[in-house]
Amino acid sequence: MARIIDGIAQNMVGDKVRKLRLEQKISQQMLSNRLETLAIYICRGSISRIEDKQRTVTDIELYGLAKVLGVSIEELFRD
């Protein structure tokens, strides 16, 4: 299957997720725990891989990340 993203990056939102998480002073584990309250299960290690763009993000995970970080989905794609 053809890749949508050029290069080695597995997602387009990792940098923004890290930036927002750090601005809000929450750890990767805290982010994982908050996602779990929405029945979205992403372990701390997977949060790290998302932020490093080594892991893809599903649509439901994208929704949860935006909701927990208090931004729109579109905001996750902005620089």
PDB file of N, CA and C in Angstrom:
ATOM      1  N   MET A   1       0.845  -1.174   0.000  1.00  0.00           N
ATOM      2  CA  MET A   1       0.000   0.000   0.000  1.00  0.00           C
ATOM      3  C   MET A   1       0.890   1.237   0.000  1.00  0.00           C
ATOM      4  N   ALA A   2       0.527   2.230  -0.749  1.00  0.00           N
ATOM      5  CA  ALA A   2       1.310   3.460  -0.839  1.00  0.00           C
ATOM      6  C   ALA A   2       1.207   4.259   0.451  1.00  0.00           C
ATOM      7  N   ARG A   3       2.298   4.915   0.789  1.00  0.00           N
ATOM      8  CA  ARG A   3       2.321   5.764   1.972  1.00  0.00           C
ATOM      9  C   ARG A   3       1.771   7.136   1.638  1.00  0.00           C
ATOM     10  N   ILE A   4       1.097   7.732   2.587  1.00  0.00           N
ATOM     11  CA  ILE A   4       0.542   9.065   2.398  1.00  0.00           C
ATOM     12  C   ILE A   4       1.592  10.125   2.734  1.00  0.00           C
ATOM     13  N   ILE A   5       2.419   9.844   3.713  1.00  0.00           N
ATOM     14  CA  ILE A   5       3.411  10.804   4.187  1.00  0.00           C
ATOM     15  C   ILE A   5       4.765  10.456   3.567  1.00  0.00           C
ATOM     16  N   ASP A   6       5.424  11.440   2.965  1.00  0.00           N
ATOM     17  CA  ASP A   6       6.751  11.217   2.407  1.00  0.00           C
ATOM     18  C   ASP A   6       7.781  11.142   3.523  1.00  0.00           C
ATOM     19  N   GLY A   7       8.878  10.448   3.279  1.00  0.00           N
ATOM     20  CA  GLY A   7       9.959  10.367   4.256  1.00  0.00           C
ATOM     21  C   GLY A   7       9.718   9.264   5.267  1.00  0.00           C
ATOM     22  N   ILE A   8      10.375   9.390   6.405  1.00  0.00           N
ATOM     23  CA  ILE A   8      10.305   8.336   7.412  1.00  0.00           C
ATOM     24  C   ILE A   8       9.291   8.615   8.512  1.00  0.00           C
ATOM     25  N   ALA A   9       8.733   9.817   8.563  1.00  0.00           N
ATOM     26  CA  ALA A   9       7.760  10.163   9.595  1.00  0.00           C
ATOM     27  C   ALA A   9       6.504   9.308   9.457  1.00  0.00           C
ATOM     28  N   GLN A  10       5.994   8.835  10.585  1.00  0.00           N
ATOM     29  CA  GLN A  10       4.787   8.010  10.596  1.00  0.00           C
ATOM     30  C   GLN A  10       3.529   8.822  10.896  1.00  0.00           C
ATOM     31  N   ASN A  11       3.689  10.076  11.320  1.00  0.00           N
ATOM     32  CA  ASN A  11       2.533  10.935  11.571  1.00  0.00           C
ATOM     33  C   ASN A  11       2.929  12.393  11.391  1.00  0.00           C
ATOM     34  N   MET A  12       1.935  13.264  11.352  1.00  0.00           N
ATOM     35  CA  MET A  12       2.177  14.693  11.164  1.00  0.00           C
ATOM     36  C   MET A  12       1.943  15.507  12.431  1.00  0.00           C
ATOM     37  N   VAL A  13       1.507  14.868  13.506  1.00  0.00           N
ATOM     38  CA  VAL A  13       1.092  15.611  14.692  1.00  0.00           C
ATOM     39  C   VAL A  13       2.018  15.465  15.895  1.00  0.00           C
ATOM     40  N   GLY A  14       3.013  14.623  15.789  1.00  0.00           N
ATOM     41  CA  GLY A  14       3.868  14.322  16.939  1.00  0.00           C
ATOM     42  C   GLY A  14       4.518  15.531  17.582  1.00  0.00           C
ATOM     43  N   ASP A  15       5.065  16.414  16.761  1.00  0.00           N
ATOM     44  CA  ASP A  15       5.728  17.608  17.312  1.00  0.00           C
ATOM     45  C   ASP A  15       4.742  18.472  18.087  1.00  0.00           C
ATOM     46  N   LYS A  16       3.540  18.637  17.547  1.00  0.00           N
ATOM     47  CA  LYS A  16       2.539  19.484  18.200  1.00  0.00           C
ATOM     48  C   LYS A  16       2.036  18.840  19.490  1.00  0.00           C
ATOM     49  N   VAL A  17       1.868  17.526  19.480  1.00  0.00           N
ATOM     50  CA  VAL A  17       1.454  16.823  20.697  1.00  0.00           C
ATOM     51  C   VAL A  17       2.481  17.058  21.800  1.00  0.00           C
ATOM     52  N   ARG A  18       3.761  16.886  21.481  1.00  0.00           N
ATOM     53  CA  ARG A  18       4.823  17.114  22.469  1.00  0.00           C
ATOM     54  C   ARG A  18       4.792  18.562  22.973  1.00  0.00           C
ATOM     55  N   LYS A  19       4.688  19.523  22.041  1.00  0.00           N
ATOM     56  CA  LYS A  19       4.690  20.938  22.408  1.00  0.00           C
ATOM     57  C   LYS A  19       3.538  21.262  23.358  1.00  0.00           C
ATOM     58  N   LEU A  20       2.338  20.826  23.016  1.00  0.00           N
ATOM     59  CA  LEU A  20       1.171  21.100  23.853  1.00  0.00           C
ATOM     60  C   LEU A  20       1.283  20.408  25.209  1.00  0.00           C
ATOM     61  N   ARG A  21       1.758  19.179  25.206  1.00  0.00           N
ATOM     62  CA  ARG A  21       1.912  18.434  26.459  1.00  0.00           C
ATOM     63  C   ARG A  21       2.879  19.149  27.387  1.00  0.00           C
ATOM     64  N   LEU A  22       4.013  19.591  26.856  1.00  0.00           N
ATOM     65  CA  LEU A  22       5.008  20.276  27.671  1.00  0.00           C
ATOM     66  C   LEU A  22       4.498  21.637  28.152  1.00  0.00           C
ATOM     67  N   GLU A  23       3.787  22.359  27.292  1.00  0.00           N
ATOM     68  CA  GLU A  23       3.203  23.648  27.696  1.00  0.00           C
ATOM     69  C   GLU A  23       2.244  23.464  28.864  1.00  0.00           C
ATOM     70  N   GLN A  24       1.536  22.344  28.879  1.00  0.00           N
ATOM     71  CA  GLN A  24       0.563  22.075  29.935  1.00  0.00           C
ATOM     72  C   GLN A  24       1.192  21.377  31.140  1.00  0.00           C
ATOM     73  N   LYS A  25       2.509  21.132  31.041  1.00  0.00           N
ATOM     74  CA  LYS A  25       3.269  20.523  32.128  1.00  0.00           C
ATOM     75  C   LYS A  25       2.691  19.177  32.575  1.00  0.00           C
ATOM     76  N   ILE A  26       2.360  18.344  31.576  1.00  0.00           N
ATOM     77  CA  ILE A  26       1.911  16.998  31.900  1.00  0.00           C
ATOM     78  C   ILE A  26       2.891  15.990  31.307  1.00  0.00           C
ATOM     79  N   SER A  27       3.084  14.910  32.017  1.00  0.00           N
ATOM     80  CA  SER A  27       4.006  13.867  31.566  1.00  0.00           C
ATOM     81  C   SER A  27       3.325  12.995  30.515  1.00  0.00           C
ATOM     82  N   GLN A  28       4.122  12.186  29.857  1.00  0.00           N
ATOM     83  CA  GLN A  28       3.568  11.240  28.895  1.00  0.00           C
ATOM     84  C   GLN A  28       2.627  10.276  29.597  1.00  0.00           C
ATOM     85  N   GLN A  29       2.974   9.868  30.818  1.00  0.00           N
ATOM     86  CA  GLN A  29       2.108   8.954  31.569  1.00  0.00           C
ATOM     87  C   GLN A  29       0.788   9.619  31.932  1.00  0.00           C
ATOM     88  N   MET A  30       0.839  10.882  32.310  1.00  0.00           N
ATOM     89  CA  MET A  30      -0.394  11.606  32.619  1.00  0.00           C
ATOM     90  C   MET A  30      -1.280  11.723  31.387  1.00  0.00           C
ATOM     91  N   LEU A  31      -0.677  11.987  30.238  1.00  0.00           N
ATOM     92  CA  LEU A  31      -1.435  12.059  28.991  1.00  0.00           C
ATOM     93  C   LEU A  31      -2.086  10.708  28.696  1.00  0.00           C
ATOM     94  N   SER A  32      -1.335   9.650  28.870  1.00  0.00           N
ATOM     95  CA  SER A  32      -1.857   8.305  28.675  1.00  0.00           C
ATOM     96  C   SER A  32      -3.042   8.038  29.605  1.00  0.00           C
ATOM     97  N   ASN A  33      -2.899   8.429  30.871  1.00  0.00           N
ATOM     98  CA  ASN A  33      -3.969   8.219  31.850  1.00  0.00           C
ATOM     99  C   ASN A  33      -5.228   9.003  31.479  1.00  0.00           C
ATOM    100  N   ARG A  34      -5.065  10.229  31.020  1.00  0.00           N
ATOM    101  CA  ARG A  34      -6.215  11.052  30.635  1.00  0.00           C
ATOM    102  C   ARG A  34      -6.925  10.474  29.411  1.00  0.00           C
ATOM    103  N   LEU A  35      -6.153   9.949  28.466  1.00  0.00           N
ATOM    104  CA  LEU A  35      -6.750   9.300  27.296  1.00  0.00           C
ATOM    105  C   LEU A  35      -7.552   8.071  27.721  1.00  0.00           C
ATOM    106  N   GLU A  36      -7.058   7.369  28.716  1.00  0.00           N
ATOM    107  CA  GLU A  36      -7.733   6.162  29.194  1.00  0.00           C
ATOM    108  C   GLU A  36      -9.134   6.475  29.721  1.00  0.00           C
ATOM    109  N   THR A  37      -9.330   7.670  30.280  1.00  0.00           N
ATOM    110  CA  THR A  37     -10.665   8.043  30.772  1.00  0.00           C
ATOM    111  C   THR A  37     -11.662   8.178  29.628  1.00  0.00           C
ATOM    112  N   LEU A  38     -11.162   8.314  28.402  1.00  0.00           N
ATOM    113  CA  LEU A  38     -12.012   8.360  27.205  1.00  0.00           C
ATOM    114  C   LEU A  38     -12.075   7.003  26.511  1.00  0.00           C
ATOM    115  N   ALA A  39     -11.541   5.980  27.182  1.00  0.00           N
ATOM    116  CA  ALA A  39     -11.468   4.621  26.618  1.00  0.00           C
ATOM    117  C   ALA A  39     -10.573   4.575  25.385  1.00  0.00           C
ATOM    118  N   ILE A  40      -9.529   5.413  25.397  1.00  0.00           N
ATOM    119  CA  ILE A  40      -8.513   5.399  24.347  1.00  0.00           C
ATOM    120  C   ILE A  40      -7.219   4.975  25.018  1.00  0.00           C
ATOM    121  N   TYR A  41      -6.737   3.806  24.654  1.00  0.00           N
ATOM    122  CA  TYR A  41      -5.613   3.202  25.360  1.00  0.00           C
ATOM    123  C   TYR A  41      -4.328   3.339  24.553  1.00  0.00           C
ATOM    124  N   ILE A  42      -3.518   4.309  24.948  1.00  0.00           N
ATOM    125  CA  ILE A  42      -2.198   4.518  24.365  1.00  0.00           C
ATOM    126  C   ILE A  42      -1.220   4.537  25.533  1.00  0.00           C
ATOM    127  N   CYS A  43      -0.343   3.559  25.595  1.00  0.00           N
ATOM    128  CA  CYS A  43       0.603   3.493  26.714  1.00  0.00           C
ATOM    129  C   CYS A  43       1.643   4.610  26.613  1.00  0.00           C
ATOM    130  N   ARG A  44       2.359   4.844  27.698  1.00  0.00           N
ATOM    131  CA  ARG A  44       3.360   5.897  27.744  1.00  0.00           C
ATOM    132  C   ARG A  44       4.394   5.726  26.644  1.00  0.00           C
ATOM    133  N   GLY A  45       4.826   4.515  26.407  1.00  0.00           N
ATOM    134  CA  GLY A  45       5.811   4.257  25.357  1.00  0.00           C
ATOM    135  C   GLY A  45       5.295   4.614  23.969  1.00  0.00           C
ATOM    136  N   SER A  46       4.023   4.367  23.752  1.00  0.00           N
ATOM    137  CA  SER A  46       3.424   4.724  22.460  1.00  0.00           C
ATOM    138  C   SER A  46       3.282   6.229  22.316  1.00  0.00           C
ATOM    139  N   ILE A  47       3.006   6.933  23.422  1.00  0.00           N
ATOM    140  CA  ILE A  47       2.982   8.401  23.383  1.00  0.00           C
ATOM    141  C   ILE A  47       4.356   8.900  22.943  1.00  0.00           C
ATOM    142  N   SER A  48       5.403   8.321  23.500  1.00  0.00           N
ATOM    143  CA  SER A  48       6.767   8.701  23.133  1.00  0.00           C
ATOM    144  C   SER A  48       7.016   8.488  21.646  1.00  0.00           C
ATOM    145  N   ARG A  49       6.582   7.340  21.127  1.00  0.00           N
ATOM    146  CA  ARG A  49       6.783   7.037  19.713  1.00  0.00           C
ATOM    147  C   ARG A  49       5.947   7.954  18.818  1.00  0.00           C
ATOM    148  N   ILE A  50       4.752   8.338  19.272  1.00  0.00           N
ATOM    149  CA  ILE A  50       3.949   9.305  18.510  1.00  0.00           C
ATOM    150  C   ILE A  50       4.698  10.632  18.439  1.00  0.00           C
ATOM    151  N   GLU A  51       5.201  11.108  19.585  1.00  0.00           N
ATOM    152  CA  GLU A  51       5.916  12.374  19.621  1.00  0.00           C
ATOM    153  C   GLU A  51       7.185  12.349  18.780  1.00  0.00           C
ATOM    154  N   ASP A  52       7.819  11.185  18.685  1.00  0.00           N
ATOM    155  CA  ASP A  52       9.021  11.030  17.859  1.00  0.00           C
ATOM    156  C   ASP A  52       8.692  10.697  16.402  1.00  0.00           C
ATOM    157  N   LYS A  53       7.405  10.672  16.080  1.00  0.00           N
ATOM    158  CA  LYS A  53       6.899  10.365  14.733  1.00  0.00           C
ATOM    159  C   LYS A  53       7.274   8.964  14.254  1.00  0.00           C
ATOM    160  N   GLN A  54       7.423   8.044  15.197  1.00  0.00           N
ATOM    161  CA  GLN A  54       7.760   6.660  14.871  1.00  0.00           C
ATOM    162  C   GLN A  54       6.530   5.754  14.877  1.00  0.00           C
ATOM    163  N   ARG A  55       5.356   6.315  15.198  1.00  0.00           N
ATOM    164  CA  ARG A  55       4.122   5.534  15.282  1.00  0.00           C
ATOM    165  C   ARG A  55       2.992   6.314  14.629  1.00  0.00           C
ATOM    166  N   THR A  56       2.155   5.611  13.908  1.00  0.00           N
ATOM    167  CA  THR A  56       0.992   6.252  13.309  1.00  0.00           C
ATOM    168  C   THR A  56      -0.051   6.554  14.390  1.00  0.00           C
ATOM    169  N   VAL A  57      -0.996   7.411  14.042  1.00  0.00           N
ATOM    170  CA  VAL A  57      -2.070   7.802  14.959  1.00  0.00           C
ATOM    171  C   VAL A  57      -3.394   7.516  14.268  1.00  0.00           C
ATOM    172  N   THR A  58      -4.261   6.755  14.932  1.00  0.00           N
ATOM    173  CA  THR A  58      -5.570   6.460  14.345  1.00  0.00           C
ATOM    174  C   THR A  58      -6.495   7.662  14.515  1.00  0.00           C
ATOM    175  N   ASP A  59      -7.607   7.625  13.826  1.00  0.00           N
ATOM    176  CA  ASP A  59      -8.549   8.735  13.930  1.00  0.00           C
ATOM    177  C   ASP A  59      -9.098   8.893  15.343  1.00  0.00           C
ATOM    178  N   ILE A  60      -9.409   7.807  16.015  1.00  0.00           N
ATOM    179  CA  ILE A  60      -9.936   7.906  17.378  1.00  0.00           C
ATOM    180  C   ILE A  60      -8.852   8.410  18.332  1.00  0.00           C
ATOM    181  N   GLU A  61      -7.609   8.023  18.102  1.00  0.00           N
ATOM    182  CA  GLU A  61      -6.512   8.529  18.929  1.00  0.00           C
ATOM    183  C   GLU A  61      -6.315  10.020  18.698  1.00  0.00           C
ATOM    184  N   LEU A  62      -6.421  10.446  17.454  1.00  0.00           N
ATOM    185  CA  LEU A  62      -6.307  11.860  17.116  1.00  0.00           C
ATOM    186  C   LEU A  62      -7.402  12.664  17.821  1.00  0.00           C
ATOM    187  N   TYR A  63      -8.619  12.152  17.778  1.00  0.00           N
ATOM    188  CA  TYR A  63      -9.740  12.785  18.472  1.00  0.00           C
ATOM    189  C   TYR A  63      -9.443  12.912  19.967  1.00  0.00           C
ATOM    190  N   GLY A  64      -8.988  11.822  20.576  1.00  0.00           N
ATOM    191  CA  GLY A  64      -8.703  11.829  22.004  1.00  0.00           C
ATOM    192  C   GLY A  64      -7.571  12.765  22.382  1.00  0.00           C
ATOM    193  N   LEU A  65      -6.513  12.774  21.594  1.00  0.00           N
ATOM    194  CA  LEU A  65      -5.389  13.677  21.865  1.00  0.00           C
ATOM    195  C   LEU A  65      -5.850  15.129  21.832  1.00  0.00           C
ATOM    196  N   ALA A  66      -6.643  15.483  20.833  1.00  0.00           N
ATOM    197  CA  ALA A  66      -7.148  16.853  20.734  1.00  0.00           C
ATOM    198  C   ALA A  66      -8.024  17.187  21.939  1.00  0.00           C
ATOM    199  N   LYS A  67      -8.908  16.295  22.302  1.00  0.00           N
ATOM    200  CA  LYS A  67      -9.831  16.532  23.416  1.00  0.00           C
ATOM    201  C   LYS A  67      -9.066  16.691  24.731  1.00  0.00           C
ATOM    202  N   VAL A  68      -8.142  15.786  25.006  1.00  0.00           N
ATOM    203  CA  VAL A  68      -7.383  15.823  26.262  1.00  0.00           C
ATOM    204  C   VAL A  68      -6.466  17.041  26.323  1.00  0.00           C
ATOM    205  N   LEU A  69      -5.900  17.427  25.184  1.00  0.00           N
ATOM    206  CA  LEU A  69      -4.999  18.580  25.167  1.00  0.00           C
ATOM    207  C   LEU A  69      -5.755  19.901  25.018  1.00  0.00           C
ATOM    208  N   GLY A  70      -7.074  19.832  24.838  1.00  0.00           N
ATOM    209  CA  GLY A  70      -7.906  21.021  24.813  1.00  0.00           C
ATOM    210  C   GLY A  70      -7.776  21.870  23.561  1.00  0.00           C
ATOM    211  N   VAL A  71      -7.544  21.208  22.428  1.00  0.00           N
ATOM    212  CA  VAL A  71      -7.421  21.914  21.153  1.00  0.00           C
ATOM    213  C   VAL A  71      -8.284  21.218  20.110  1.00  0.00           C
ATOM    214  N   SER A  72      -8.461  21.875  18.983  1.00  0.00           N
ATOM    215  CA  SER A  72      -9.171  21.240  17.874  1.00  0.00           C
ATOM    216  C   SER A  72      -8.233  20.254  17.178  1.00  0.00           C
ATOM    217  N   ILE A  73      -8.818  19.342  16.458  1.00  0.00           N
ATOM    218  CA  ILE A  73      -8.006  18.404  15.673  1.00  0.00           C
ATOM    219  C   ILE A  73      -7.140  19.182  14.687  1.00  0.00           C
ATOM    220  N   GLU A  74      -7.707  20.201  14.084  1.00  0.00           N
ATOM    221  CA  GLU A  74      -6.960  21.006  13.118  1.00  0.00           C
ATOM    222  C   GLU A  74      -5.723  21.622  13.754  1.00  0.00           C
ATOM    223  N   GLU A  75      -5.838  22.040  15.002  1.00  0.00           N
ATOM    224  CA  GLU A  75      -4.700  22.661  15.698  1.00  0.00           C
ATOM    225  C   GLU A  75      -3.520  21.697  15.799  1.00  0.00           C
ATOM    226  N   LEU A  76      -3.774  20.402  15.886  1.00  0.00           N
ATOM    227  CA  LEU A  76      -2.678  19.436  15.976  1.00  0.00           C
ATOM    228  C   LEU A  76      -1.833  19.402  14.709  1.00  0.00           C
ATOM    229  N   PHE A  77      -2.394  19.896  13.612  1.00  0.00           N
ATOM    230  CA  PHE A  77      -1.653  19.900  12.335  1.00  0.00           C
ATOM    231  C   PHE A  77      -0.944  21.212  12.052  1.00  0.00           C
ATOM    232  N   ARG A  78      -1.154  22.213  12.906  1.00  0.00           N
ATOM    233  CA  ARG A  78      -0.510  23.520  12.704  1.00  0.00           C
ATOM    234  C   ARG A  78       0.869  23.533  13.321  1.00  0.00           C
ATOM    235  N   ASP A  79       1.779  24.317  12.707  1.00  0.00           N
ATOM    236  CA  ASP A  79       3.137  24.444  13.240  1.00  0.00           C
ATOM    237  C   ASP A  79       3.167  25.268  14.496  1.00  0.00           C
TER     238      ASP A  79
END
